[in-house]
Amino acid sequence: MHCAILAYLRAALPGAVIHHSPNETKWRSQRAMQTVQKAKRMGTLAGFPDLLVIWCGSVWAIEVKAPGNHPTAEQRAVGADIEAMGGRWGVARSVDEAAALVRSWKEQE
């Protein structure tokens, strides 16, 4: 789903800067834990959205979720912070939902 949404965004928003923040990890090895701790020291933020889009002076953040899944409390808190600073934040479980977010945000700009 994530790759399909990314492909849609690249096609729909030519010239946009689109970044995936790989915050999620299911690794349990000692080396993985050290990598996670280093990333936190370097500024990785728990709850940061999966996709950050910068387009025509706007900042949009999309949390990609599998159908039936919901954002965590940390993800909702970061989303609220992004919105409080004038950005847009939303959840997409499909390309259609991502497209609806983009249409809505374009209309609001």
PDB file of N, CA and C in Angstrom:
ATOM      1  N   MET A   1       0.822  -1.195   0.000  1.00  0.00           N
ATOM      2  CA  MET A   1       0.000   0.000   0.000  1.00  0.00           C
ATOM      3  C   MET A   1       0.870   1.265   0.000  1.00  0.00           C
ATOM      4  N   HIS A   2       1.879   1.241   0.839  1.00  0.00           N
ATOM      5  CA  HIS A   2       2.752   2.404   0.968  1.00  0.00           C
ATOM      6  C   HIS A   2       3.349   2.801  -0.391  1.00  0.00           C
ATOM      7  N   CYS A   3       3.870   1.818  -1.120  1.00  0.00           N
ATOM      8  CA  CYS A   3       4.496   2.105  -2.417  1.00  0.00           C
ATOM      9  C   CYS A   3       3.483   2.619  -3.428  1.00  0.00           C
ATOM     10  N   ALA A   4       2.260   2.102  -3.376  1.00  0.00           N
ATOM     11  CA  ALA A   4       1.213   2.569  -4.295  1.00  0.00           C
ATOM     12  C   ALA A   4       0.846   4.020  -3.990  1.00  0.00           C
ATOM     13  N   ILE A   5       0.756   4.364  -2.714  1.00  0.00           N
ATOM     14  CA  ILE A   5       0.456   5.747  -2.330  1.00  0.00           C
ATOM     15  C   ILE A   5       1.601   6.665  -2.756  1.00  0.00           C
ATOM     16  N   LEU A   6       2.824   6.224  -2.548  1.00  0.00           N
ATOM     17  CA  LEU A   6       3.979   7.015  -2.965  1.00  0.00           C
ATOM     18  C   LEU A   6       3.969   7.247  -4.473  1.00  0.00           C
ATOM     19  N   ALA A   7       3.668   6.218  -5.244  1.00  0.00           N
ATOM     20  CA  ALA A   7       3.603   6.361  -6.706  1.00  0.00           C
ATOM     21  C   ALA A   7       2.516   7.353  -7.102  1.00  0.00           C
ATOM     22  N   TYR A   8       1.369   7.290  -6.437  1.00  0.00           N
ATOM     23  CA  TYR A   8       0.290   8.246  -6.713  1.00  0.00           C
ATOM     24  C   TYR A   8       0.771   9.676  -6.432  1.00  0.00           C
ATOM     25  N   LEU A   9       1.385   9.889  -5.263  1.00  0.00           N
ATOM     26  CA  LEU A   9       1.832  11.230  -4.892  1.00  0.00           C
ATOM     27  C   LEU A   9       2.833  11.784  -5.900  1.00  0.00           C
ATOM     28  N   ARG A  10       3.763  10.950  -6.329  1.00  0.00           N
ATOM     29  CA  ARG A  10       4.760  11.405  -7.308  1.00  0.00           C
ATOM     30  C   ARG A  10       4.107  11.799  -8.629  1.00  0.00           C
ATOM     31  N   ALA A  11       3.083  11.058  -9.034  1.00  0.00           N
ATOM     32  CA  ALA A  11       2.390  11.373 -10.290  1.00  0.00           C
ATOM     33  C   ALA A  11       1.495  12.602 -10.146  1.00  0.00           C
ATOM     34  N   ALA A  12       0.827  12.729  -9.010  1.00  0.00           N
ATOM     35  CA  ALA A  12      -0.147  13.806  -8.809  1.00  0.00           C
ATOM     36  C   ALA A  12       0.496  15.139  -8.452  1.00  0.00           C
ATOM     37  N   LEU A  13       1.702  15.092  -7.895  1.00  0.00           N
ATOM     38  CA  LEU A  13       2.351  16.311  -7.406  1.00  0.00           C
ATOM     39  C   LEU A  13       3.752  16.443  -8.007  1.00  0.00           C
ATOM     40  N   PRO A  14       3.834  16.692  -9.311  1.00  0.00           N
ATOM     41  CA  PRO A  14       5.156  16.783  -9.938  1.00  0.00           C
ATOM     42  C   PRO A  14       5.992  17.886  -9.286  1.00  0.00           C
ATOM     43  N   GLY A  15       7.229  17.559  -9.022  1.00  0.00           N
ATOM     44  CA  GLY A  15       8.128  18.529  -8.410  1.00  0.00           C
ATOM     45  C   GLY A  15       8.089  18.548  -6.896  1.00  0.00           C
ATOM     46  N   ALA A  16       7.155  17.828  -6.295  1.00  0.00           N
ATOM     47  CA  ALA A  16       7.062  17.802  -4.835  1.00  0.00           C
ATOM     48  C   ALA A  16       8.259  17.075  -4.239  1.00  0.00           C
ATOM     49  N   VAL A  17       8.645  17.506  -3.053  1.00  0.00           N
ATOM     50  CA  VAL A  17       9.626  16.768  -2.264  1.00  0.00           C
ATOM     51  C   VAL A  17       8.820  15.809  -1.396  1.00  0.00           C
ATOM     52  N   ILE A  18       9.073  14.515  -1.547  1.00  0.00           N
ATOM     53  CA  ILE A  18       8.331  13.501  -0.792  1.00  0.00           C
ATOM     54  C   ILE A  18       9.349  12.620  -0.082  1.00  0.00           C
ATOM     55  N   HIS A  19       9.196  12.504   1.226  1.00  0.00           N
ATOM     56  CA  HIS A  19      10.166  11.760   2.033  1.00  0.00           C
ATOM     57  C   HIS A  19       9.458  10.724   2.893  1.00  0.00           C
ATOM     58  N   HIS A  20      10.030   9.532   2.953  1.00  0.00           N
ATOM     59  CA  HIS A  20       9.552   8.486   3.870  1.00  0.00           C
ATOM     60  C   HIS A  20      10.479   8.456   5.072  1.00  0.00           C
ATOM     61  N   SER A  21       9.907   8.528   6.241  1.00  0.00           N
ATOM     62  CA  SER A  21      10.682   8.449   7.471  1.00  0.00           C
ATOM     63  C   SER A  21      10.570   7.031   8.025  1.00  0.00           C
ATOM     64  N   PRO A  22      11.638   6.246   7.951  1.00  0.00           N
ATOM     65  CA  PRO A  22      11.565   4.843   8.385  1.00  0.00           C
ATOM     66  C   PRO A  22      11.689   4.694   9.899  1.00  0.00           C
ATOM     67  N   ASN A  23      10.669   5.121  10.619  1.00  0.00           N
ATOM     68  CA  ASN A  23      10.695   5.051  12.080  1.00  0.00           C
ATOM     69  C   ASN A  23      10.372   3.668  12.617  1.00  0.00           C
ATOM     70  N   GLU A  24       9.580   2.923  11.861  1.00  0.00           N
ATOM     71  CA  GLU A  24       9.120   1.640  12.385  1.00  0.00           C
ATOM     72  C   GLU A  24      10.256   0.625  12.404  1.00  0.00           C
ATOM     73  N   THR A  25      10.263  -0.193  13.422  1.00  0.00           N
ATOM     74  CA  THR A  25      11.230  -1.284  13.484  1.00  0.00           C
ATOM     75  C   THR A  25      10.663  -2.419  14.320  1.00  0.00           C
ATOM     76  N   LYS A  26      10.895  -3.607  13.876  1.00  0.00           N
ATOM     77  CA  LYS A  26      10.482  -4.794  14.621  1.00  0.00           C
ATOM     78  C   LYS A  26      11.718  -5.608  15.012  1.00  0.00           C
ATOM     79  N   TRP A  27      12.892  -5.040  14.784  1.00  0.00           N
ATOM     80  CA  TRP A  27      14.138  -5.742  15.064  1.00  0.00           C
ATOM     81  C   TRP A  27      14.328  -5.883  16.568  1.00  0.00           C
ATOM     82  N   ARG A  28      14.966  -6.973  16.966  1.00  0.00           N
ATOM     83  CA  ARG A  28      15.196  -7.197  18.391  1.00  0.00           C
ATOM     84  C   ARG A  28      16.662  -7.475  18.726  1.00  0.00           C
ATOM     85  N   SER A  29      17.542  -7.450  17.754  1.00  0.00           N
ATOM     86  CA  SER A  29      18.948  -7.740  18.026  1.00  0.00           C
ATOM     87  C   SER A  29      19.598  -6.580  18.782  1.00  0.00           C
ATOM     88  N   GLN A  30      20.705  -6.863  19.422  1.00  0.00           N
ATOM     89  CA  GLN A  30      21.443  -5.829  20.150  1.00  0.00           C
ATOM     90  C   GLN A  30      21.881  -4.717  19.202  1.00  0.00           C
ATOM     91  N   ARG A  31      22.373  -5.087  18.029  1.00  0.00           N
ATOM     92  CA  ARG A  31      22.819  -4.081  17.054  1.00  0.00           C
ATOM     93  C   ARG A  31      21.646  -3.206  16.606  1.00  0.00           C
ATOM     94  N   ALA A  32      20.501  -3.820  16.396  1.00  0.00           N
ATOM     95  CA  ALA A  32      19.322  -3.047  15.994  1.00  0.00           C
ATOM     96  C   ALA A  32      18.933  -2.061  17.086  1.00  0.00           C
ATOM     97  N   MET A  33      18.968  -2.501  18.319  1.00  0.00           N
ATOM     98  CA  MET A  33      18.616  -1.612  19.427  1.00  0.00           C
ATOM     99  C   MET A  33      19.604  -0.445  19.519  1.00  0.00           C
ATOM    100  N   GLN A  34      20.876  -0.710  19.272  1.00  0.00           N
ATOM    101  CA  GLN A  34      21.869   0.362  19.266  1.00  0.00           C
ATOM    102  C   GLN A  34      21.594   1.343  18.131  1.00  0.00           C
ATOM    103  N   THR A  35      21.188   0.828  16.981  1.00  0.00           N
ATOM    104  CA  THR A  35      20.860   1.678  15.837  1.00  0.00           C
ATOM    105  C   THR A  35      19.670   2.570  16.158  1.00  0.00           C
ATOM    106  N   VAL A  36      18.655   2.004  16.799  1.00  0.00           N
ATOM    107  CA  VAL A  36      17.470   2.776  17.187  1.00  0.00           C
ATOM    108  C   VAL A  36      17.856   3.869  18.181  1.00  0.00           C
ATOM    109  N   GLN A  37      18.665   3.541  19.176  1.00  0.00           N
ATOM    110  CA  GLN A  37      19.082   4.535  20.170  1.00  0.00           C
ATOM    111  C   GLN A  37      19.887   5.666  19.518  1.00  0.00           C
ATOM    112  N   LYS A  38      20.763   5.321  18.585  1.00  0.00           N
ATOM    113  CA  LYS A  38      21.530   6.351  17.880  1.00  0.00           C
ATOM    114  C   LYS A  38      20.598   7.244  17.072  1.00  0.00           C
ATOM    115  N   ALA A  39      19.633   6.650  16.395  1.00  0.00           N
ATOM    116  CA  ALA A  39      18.679   7.437  15.604  1.00  0.00           C
ATOM    117  C   ALA A  39      17.919   8.411  16.496  1.00  0.00           C
ATOM    118  N   LYS A  40      17.527   7.980  17.676  1.00  0.00           N
ATOM    119  CA  LYS A  40      16.824   8.874  18.610  1.00  0.00           C
ATOM    120  C   LYS A  40      17.718  10.036  19.028  1.00  0.00           C
ATOM    121  N   ARG A  41      18.979   9.741  19.313  1.00  0.00           N
ATOM    122  CA  ARG A  41      19.915  10.818  19.689  1.00  0.00           C
ATOM    123  C   ARG A  41      20.100  11.816  18.553  1.00  0.00           C
ATOM    124  N   MET A  42      19.965  11.339  17.328  1.00  0.00           N
ATOM    125  CA  MET A  42      20.179  12.198  16.162  1.00  0.00           C
ATOM    126  C   MET A  42      18.902  12.896  15.704  1.00  0.00           C
ATOM    127  N   GLY A  43      17.789  12.693  16.428  1.00  0.00           N
ATOM    128  CA  GLY A  43      16.588  13.452  16.127  1.00  0.00           C
ATOM    129  C   GLY A  43      15.392  12.677  15.625  1.00  0.00           C
ATOM    130  N   THR A  44      15.482  11.355  15.545  1.00  0.00           N
ATOM    131  CA  THR A  44      14.307  10.588  15.136  1.00  0.00           C
ATOM    132  C   THR A  44      13.196  10.823  16.150  1.00  0.00           C
ATOM    133  N   LEU A  45      12.020  11.099  15.664  1.00  0.00           N
ATOM    134  CA  LEU A  45      10.881  11.450  16.508  1.00  0.00           C
ATOM    135  C   LEU A  45       9.834  10.348  16.451  1.00  0.00           C
ATOM    136  N   ALA A  46       9.533   9.762  17.596  1.00  0.00           N
ATOM    137  CA  ALA A  46       8.488   8.737  17.653  1.00  0.00           C
ATOM    138  C   ALA A  46       7.167   9.348  17.206  1.00  0.00           C
ATOM    139  N   GLY A  47       6.454   8.640  16.359  1.00  0.00           N
ATOM    140  CA  GLY A  47       5.164   9.124  15.882  1.00  0.00           C
ATOM    141  C   GLY A  47       5.243   9.965  14.625  1.00  0.00           C
ATOM    142  N   PHE A  48       6.465  10.201  14.113  1.00  0.00           N
ATOM    143  CA  PHE A  48       6.597  11.009  12.896  1.00  0.00           C
ATOM    144  C   PHE A  48       5.895  10.300  11.746  1.00  0.00           C
ATOM    145  N   PRO A  49       5.193  11.046  10.883  1.00  0.00           N
ATOM    146  CA  PRO A  49       4.406  10.412   9.819  1.00  0.00           C
ATOM    147  C   PRO A  49       5.259   9.650   8.812  1.00  0.00           C
ATOM    148  N   ASP A  50       4.617   8.692   8.160  1.00  0.00           N
ATOM    149  CA  ASP A  50       5.302   7.861   7.171  1.00  0.00           C
ATOM    150  C   ASP A  50       5.789   8.673   5.978  1.00  0.00           C
ATOM    151  N   LEU A  51       4.970   9.589   5.511  1.00  0.00           N
ATOM    152  CA  LEU A  51       5.313  10.375   4.321  1.00  0.00           C
ATOM    153  C   LEU A  51       5.181  11.863   4.620  1.00  0.00           C
ATOM    154  N   LEU A  52       6.201  12.604   4.286  1.00  0.00           N
ATOM    155  CA  LEU A  52       6.170  14.056   4.403  1.00  0.00           C
ATOM    156  C   LEU A  52       6.256  14.613   2.993  1.00  0.00           C
ATOM    157  N   VAL A  53       5.315  15.489   2.656  1.00  0.00           N
ATOM    158  CA  VAL A  53       5.229  16.066   1.317  1.00  0.00           C
ATOM    159  C   VAL A  53       5.396  17.579   1.436  1.00  0.00           C
ATOM    160  N   ILE A  54       6.338  18.116   0.675  1.00  0.00           N
ATOM    161  CA  ILE A  54       6.502  19.569   0.595  1.00  0.00           C
ATOM    162  C   ILE A  54       6.189  19.941  -0.844  1.00  0.00           C
ATOM    163  N   TRP A  55       5.145  20.752  -1.004  1.00  0.00           N
ATOM    164  CA  TRP A  55       4.660  21.064  -2.350  1.00  0.00           C
ATOM    165  C   TRP A  55       4.133  22.489  -2.392  1.00  0.00           C
ATOM    166  N   CYS A  56       4.717  23.292  -3.250  1.00  0.00           N
ATOM    167  CA  CYS A  56       4.270  24.681  -3.460  1.00  0.00           C
ATOM    168  C   CYS A  56       4.146  25.450  -2.145  1.00  0.00           C
ATOM    169  N   GLY A  57       5.108  25.297  -1.262  1.00  0.00           N
ATOM    170  CA  GLY A  57       5.108  26.029  -0.005  1.00  0.00           C
ATOM    171  C   GLY A  57       4.279  25.414   1.097  1.00  0.00           C
ATOM    172  N   SER A  58       3.665  24.280   0.842  1.00  0.00           N
ATOM    173  CA  SER A  58       2.838  23.602   1.841  1.00  0.00           C
ATOM    174  C   SER A  58       3.562  22.379   2.383  1.00  0.00           C
ATOM    175  N   VAL A  59       3.234  22.025   3.616  1.00  0.00           N
ATOM    176  CA  VAL A  59       3.768  20.815   4.236  1.00  0.00           C
ATOM    177  C   VAL A  59       2.597  19.911   4.589  1.00  0.00           C
ATOM    178  N   TRP A  60       2.617  18.723   4.016  1.00  0.00           N
ATOM    179  CA  TRP A  60       1.558  17.737   4.238  1.00  0.00           C
ATOM    180  C   TRP A  60       2.182  16.467   4.783  1.00  0.00           C
ATOM    181  N   ALA A  61       1.537  15.853   5.753  1.00  0.00           N
ATOM    182  CA  ALA A  61       2.045  14.632   6.368  1.00  0.00           C
ATOM    183  C   ALA A  61       0.981  13.545   6.279  1.00  0.00           C
ATOM    184  N   ILE A  62       1.395  12.371   5.840  1.00  0.00           N
ATOM    185  CA  ILE A  62       0.455  11.260   5.681  1.00  0.00           C
ATOM    186  C   ILE A  62       0.946  10.068   6.484  1.00  0.00           C
ATOM    187  N   GLU A  63       0.089   9.587   7.346  1.00  0.00           N
ATOM    188  CA  GLU A  63       0.333   8.351   8.078  1.00  0.00           C
ATOM    189  C   GLU A  63      -0.342   7.237   7.291  1.00  0.00           C
ATOM    190  N   VAL A  64       0.425   6.275   6.821  1.00  0.00           N
ATOM    191  CA  VAL A  64      -0.109   5.165   6.028  1.00  0.00           C
ATOM    192  C   VAL A  64      -0.433   4.012   6.972  1.00  0.00           C
ATOM    193  N   LYS A  65      -1.652   3.537   6.899  1.00  0.00           N
ATOM    194  CA  LYS A  65      -2.098   2.436   7.766  1.00  0.00           C
ATOM    195  C   LYS A  65      -2.759   1.350   6.937  1.00  0.00           C
ATOM    196  N   ALA A  66      -2.600   0.133   7.377  1.00  0.00           N
ATOM    197  CA  ALA A  66      -3.329  -0.980   6.768  1.00  0.00           C
ATOM    198  C   ALA A  66      -4.805  -0.828   7.124  1.00  0.00           C
ATOM    199  N   PRO A  67      -5.696  -1.320   6.267  1.00  0.00           N
ATOM    200  CA  PRO A  67      -7.129  -1.240   6.581  1.00  0.00           C
ATOM    201  C   PRO A  67      -7.413  -1.819   7.971  1.00  0.00           C
ATOM    202  N   GLY A  68      -8.184  -1.069   8.744  1.00  0.00           N
ATOM    203  CA  GLY A  68      -8.536  -1.500  10.093  1.00  0.00           C
ATOM    204  C   GLY A  68      -7.575  -1.036  11.167  1.00  0.00           C
ATOM    205  N   ASN A  69      -6.387  -0.586  10.792  1.00  0.00           N
ATOM    206  CA  ASN A  69      -5.420  -0.089  11.774  1.00  0.00           C
ATOM    207  C   ASN A  69      -5.612   1.408  11.981  1.00  0.00           C
ATOM    208  N   HIS A  70      -5.193   1.870  13.142  1.00  0.00           N
ATOM    209  CA  HIS A  70      -5.386   3.273  13.515  1.00  0.00           C
ATOM    210  C   HIS A  70      -4.072   3.871  14.005  1.00  0.00           C
ATOM    211  N   PRO A  71      -3.924   5.189  13.911  1.00  0.00           N
ATOM    212  CA  PRO A  71      -2.704   5.832  14.400  1.00  0.00           C
ATOM    213  C   PRO A  71      -2.548   5.644  15.910  1.00  0.00           C
ATOM    214  N   THR A  72      -1.299   5.577  16.348  1.00  0.00           N
ATOM    215  CA  THR A  72      -1.005   5.491  17.773  1.00  0.00           C
ATOM    216  C   THR A  72      -1.201   6.868  18.412  1.00  0.00           C
ATOM    217  N   ALA A  73      -1.171   6.895  19.728  1.00  0.00           N
ATOM    218  CA  ALA A  73      -1.266   8.171  20.445  1.00  0.00           C
ATOM    219  C   ALA A  73      -0.103   9.085  20.053  1.00  0.00           C
ATOM    220  N   GLU A  74       1.092   8.514  19.910  1.00  0.00           N
ATOM    221  CA  GLU A  74       2.252   9.326  19.506  1.00  0.00           C
ATOM    222  C   GLU A  74       2.054   9.894  18.109  1.00  0.00           C
ATOM    223  N   GLN A  75       1.527   9.100  17.198  1.00  0.00           N
ATOM    224  CA  GLN A  75       1.296   9.572  15.831  1.00  0.00           C
ATOM    225  C   GLN A  75       0.243  10.675  15.806  1.00  0.00           C
ATOM    226  N   ARG A  76      -0.816  10.516  16.581  1.00  0.00           N
ATOM    227  CA  ARG A  76      -1.848  11.561  16.639  1.00  0.00           C
ATOM    228  C   ARG A  76      -1.282  12.850  17.239  1.00  0.00           C
ATOM    229  N   ALA A  77      -0.426  12.716  18.253  1.00  0.00           N
ATOM    230  CA  ALA A  77       0.166  13.903  18.883  1.00  0.00           C
ATOM    231  C   ALA A  77       1.070  14.653  17.904  1.00  0.00           C
ATOM    232  N   VAL A  78       1.896  13.929  17.164  1.00  0.00           N
ATOM    233  CA  VAL A  78       2.751  14.586  16.166  1.00  0.00           C
ATOM    234  C   VAL A  78       1.880  15.224  15.088  1.00  0.00           C
ATOM    235  N   GLY A  79       0.824  14.533  14.678  1.00  0.00           N
ATOM    236  CA  GLY A  79      -0.101  15.100  13.695  1.00  0.00           C
ATOM    237  C   GLY A  79      -0.718  16.399  14.181  1.00  0.00           C
ATOM    238  N   ALA A  80      -1.111  16.430  15.448  1.00  0.00           N
ATOM    239  CA  ALA A  80      -1.683  17.654  16.022  1.00  0.00           C
ATOM    240  C   ALA A  80      -0.651  18.781  16.033  1.00  0.00           C
ATOM    241  N   ASP A  81       0.598  18.450  16.346  1.00  0.00           N
ATOM    242  CA  ASP A  81       1.662  19.462  16.323  1.00  0.00           C
ATOM    243  C   ASP A  81       1.867  20.014  14.913  1.00  0.00           C
ATOM    244  N   ILE A  82       1.857  19.135  13.928  1.00  0.00           N
ATOM    245  CA  ILE A  82       2.023  19.571  12.535  1.00  0.00           C
ATOM    246  C   ILE A  82       0.891  20.512  12.145  1.00  0.00           C
ATOM    247  N   GLU A  83      -0.332  20.144  12.496  1.00  0.00           N
ATOM    248  CA  GLU A  83      -1.481  21.000  12.174  1.00  0.00           C
ATOM    249  C   GLU A  83      -1.427  22.321  12.926  1.00  0.00           C
ATOM    250  N   ALA A  84      -0.965  22.305  14.176  1.00  0.00           N
ATOM    251  CA  ALA A  84      -0.873  23.538  14.967  1.00  0.00           C
ATOM    252  C   ALA A  84       0.117  24.526  14.354  1.00  0.00           C
ATOM    253  N   MET A  85       1.069  24.005  13.583  1.00  0.00           N
ATOM    254  CA  MET A  85       2.064  24.867  12.937  1.00  0.00           C
ATOM    255  C   MET A  85       1.696  25.209  11.499  1.00  0.00           C
ATOM    256  N   GLY A  86       0.454  24.885  11.099  1.00  0.00           N
ATOM    257  CA  GLY A  86      -0.017  25.264   9.773  1.00  0.00           C
ATOM    258  C   GLY A  86       0.114  24.198   8.710  1.00  0.00           C
ATOM    259  N   GLY A  87       0.645  23.036   9.074  1.00  0.00           N
ATOM    260  CA  GLY A  87       0.734  21.934   8.122  1.00  0.00           C
ATOM    261  C   GLY A  87      -0.560  21.137   8.095  1.00  0.00           C
ATOM    262  N   ARG A  88      -0.585  20.136   7.268  1.00  0.00           N
ATOM    263  CA  ARG A  88      -1.751  19.245   7.166  1.00  0.00           C
ATOM    264  C   ARG A  88      -1.299  17.839   7.537  1.00  0.00           C
ATOM    265  N   TRP A  89      -2.176  17.085   8.195  1.00  0.00           N
ATOM    266  CA  TRP A  89      -1.878  15.713   8.601  1.00  0.00           C
ATOM    267  C   TRP A  89      -3.112  14.865   8.385  1.00  0.00           C
ATOM    268  N   GLY A  90      -2.900  13.655   7.879  1.00  0.00           N
ATOM    269  CA  GLY A  90      -4.025  12.755   7.686  1.00  0.00           C
ATOM    270  C   GLY A  90      -3.568  11.315   7.607  1.00  0.00           C
ATOM    271  N   VAL A  91      -4.551  10.427   7.651  1.00  0.00           N
ATOM    272  CA  VAL A  91      -4.308   8.986   7.587  1.00  0.00           C
ATOM    273  C   VAL A  91      -4.866   8.468   6.272  1.00  0.00           C
ATOM    274  N   ALA A  92      -4.082   7.620   5.603  1.00  0.00           N
ATOM    275  CA  ALA A  92      -4.539   7.001   4.355  1.00  0.00           C
ATOM    276  C   ALA A  92      -4.350   5.492   4.458  1.00  0.00           C
ATOM    277  N   ARG A  93      -5.410   4.770   4.138  1.00  0.00           N
ATOM    278  CA  ARG A  93      -5.365   3.306   4.124  1.00  0.00           C
ATOM    279  C   ARG A  93      -5.437   2.755   2.705  1.00  0.00           C
ATOM    280  N   SER A  94      -5.486   3.669   1.737  1.00  0.00           N
ATOM    281  CA  SER A  94      -5.569   3.280   0.329  1.00  0.00           C
ATOM    282  C   SER A  94      -5.135   4.466  -0.528  1.00  0.00           C
ATOM    283  N   VAL A  95      -4.912   4.187  -1.801  1.00  0.00           N
ATOM    284  CA  VAL A  95      -4.587   5.272  -2.734  1.00  0.00           C
ATOM    285  C   VAL A  95      -5.759   6.239  -2.817  1.00  0.00           C
ATOM    286  N   ASP A  96      -6.982   5.719  -2.831  1.00  0.00           N
ATOM    287  CA  ASP A  96      -8.154   6.597  -2.897  1.00  0.00           C
ATOM    288  C   ASP A  96      -8.207   7.545  -1.704  1.00  0.00           C
ATOM    289  N   GLU A  97      -7.896   7.049  -0.513  1.00  0.00           N
ATOM    290  CA  GLU A  97      -7.894   7.924   0.666  1.00  0.00           C
ATOM    291  C   GLU A  97      -6.779   8.963   0.574  1.00  0.00           C
ATOM    292  N   ALA A  98      -5.614   8.566   0.081  1.00  0.00           N
ATOM    293  CA  ALA A  98      -4.521   9.532  -0.099  1.00  0.00           C
ATOM    294  C   ALA A  98      -4.916  10.600  -1.113  1.00  0.00           C
ATOM    295  N   ALA A  99      -5.566  10.176  -2.203  1.00  0.00           N
ATOM    296  CA  ALA A  99      -6.007  11.131  -3.226  1.00  0.00           C
ATOM    297  C   ALA A  99      -7.035  12.103  -2.651  1.00  0.00           C
ATOM    298  N   ALA A 100      -7.924  11.610  -1.804  1.00  0.00           N
ATOM    299  CA  ALA A 100      -8.923  12.483  -1.175  1.00  0.00           C
ATOM    300  C   ALA A 100      -8.243  13.509  -0.269  1.00  0.00           C
ATOM    301  N   LEU A 101      -7.227  13.083   0.476  1.00  0.00           N
ATOM    302  CA  LEU A 101      -6.484  14.033   1.309  1.00  0.00           C
ATOM    303  C   LEU A 101      -5.841  15.114   0.447  1.00  0.00           C
ATOM    304  N   VAL A 102      -5.176  14.702  -0.622  1.00  0.00           N
ATOM    305  CA  VAL A 102      -4.494  15.663  -1.503  1.00  0.00           C
ATOM    306  C   VAL A 102      -5.493  16.643  -2.101  1.00  0.00           C
ATOM    307  N   ARG A 103      -6.622  16.150  -2.589  1.00  0.00           N
ATOM    308  CA  ARG A 103      -7.649  17.055  -3.157  1.00  0.00           C
ATOM    309  C   ARG A 103      -8.114  18.060  -2.111  1.00  0.00           C
ATOM    310  N   SER A 104      -8.387  17.579  -0.913  1.00  0.00           N
ATOM    311  CA  SER A 104      -8.854  18.452   0.161  1.00  0.00           C
ATOM    312  C   SER A 104      -7.801  19.501   0.514  1.00  0.00           C
ATOM    313  N   TRP A 105      -6.570  19.069   0.650  1.00  0.00           N
ATOM    314  CA  TRP A 105      -5.509  19.999   1.018  1.00  0.00           C
ATOM    315  C   TRP A 105      -5.243  21.015  -0.080  1.00  0.00           C
ATOM    316  N   LYS A 106      -5.314  20.605  -1.325  1.00  0.00           N
ATOM    317  CA  LYS A 106      -5.127  21.554  -2.432  1.00  0.00           C
ATOM    318  C   LYS A 106      -6.213  22.625  -2.398  1.00  0.00           C
ATOM    319  N   GLU A 107      -7.441  22.217  -2.115  1.00  0.00           N
ATOM    320  CA  GLU A 107      -8.556  23.173  -2.063  1.00  0.00           C
ATOM    321  C   GLU A 107      -8.389  24.159  -0.917  1.00  0.00           C
ATOM    322  N   GLN A 108      -7.768  23.732   0.170  1.00  0.00           N
ATOM    323  CA  GLN A 108      -7.598  24.584   1.349  1.00  0.00           C
ATOM    324  C   GLN A 108      -6.430  25.559   1.212  1.00  0.00           C
ATOM    325  N   GLU A 109      -5.542  25.300   0.281  1.00  0.00           N
ATOM    326  CA  GLU A 109      -4.354  26.163   0.130  1.00  0.00           C
ATOM    327  C   GLU A 109      -4.711  27.424  -0.627  1.00  0.00           C
TER     328      GLU A 109
END
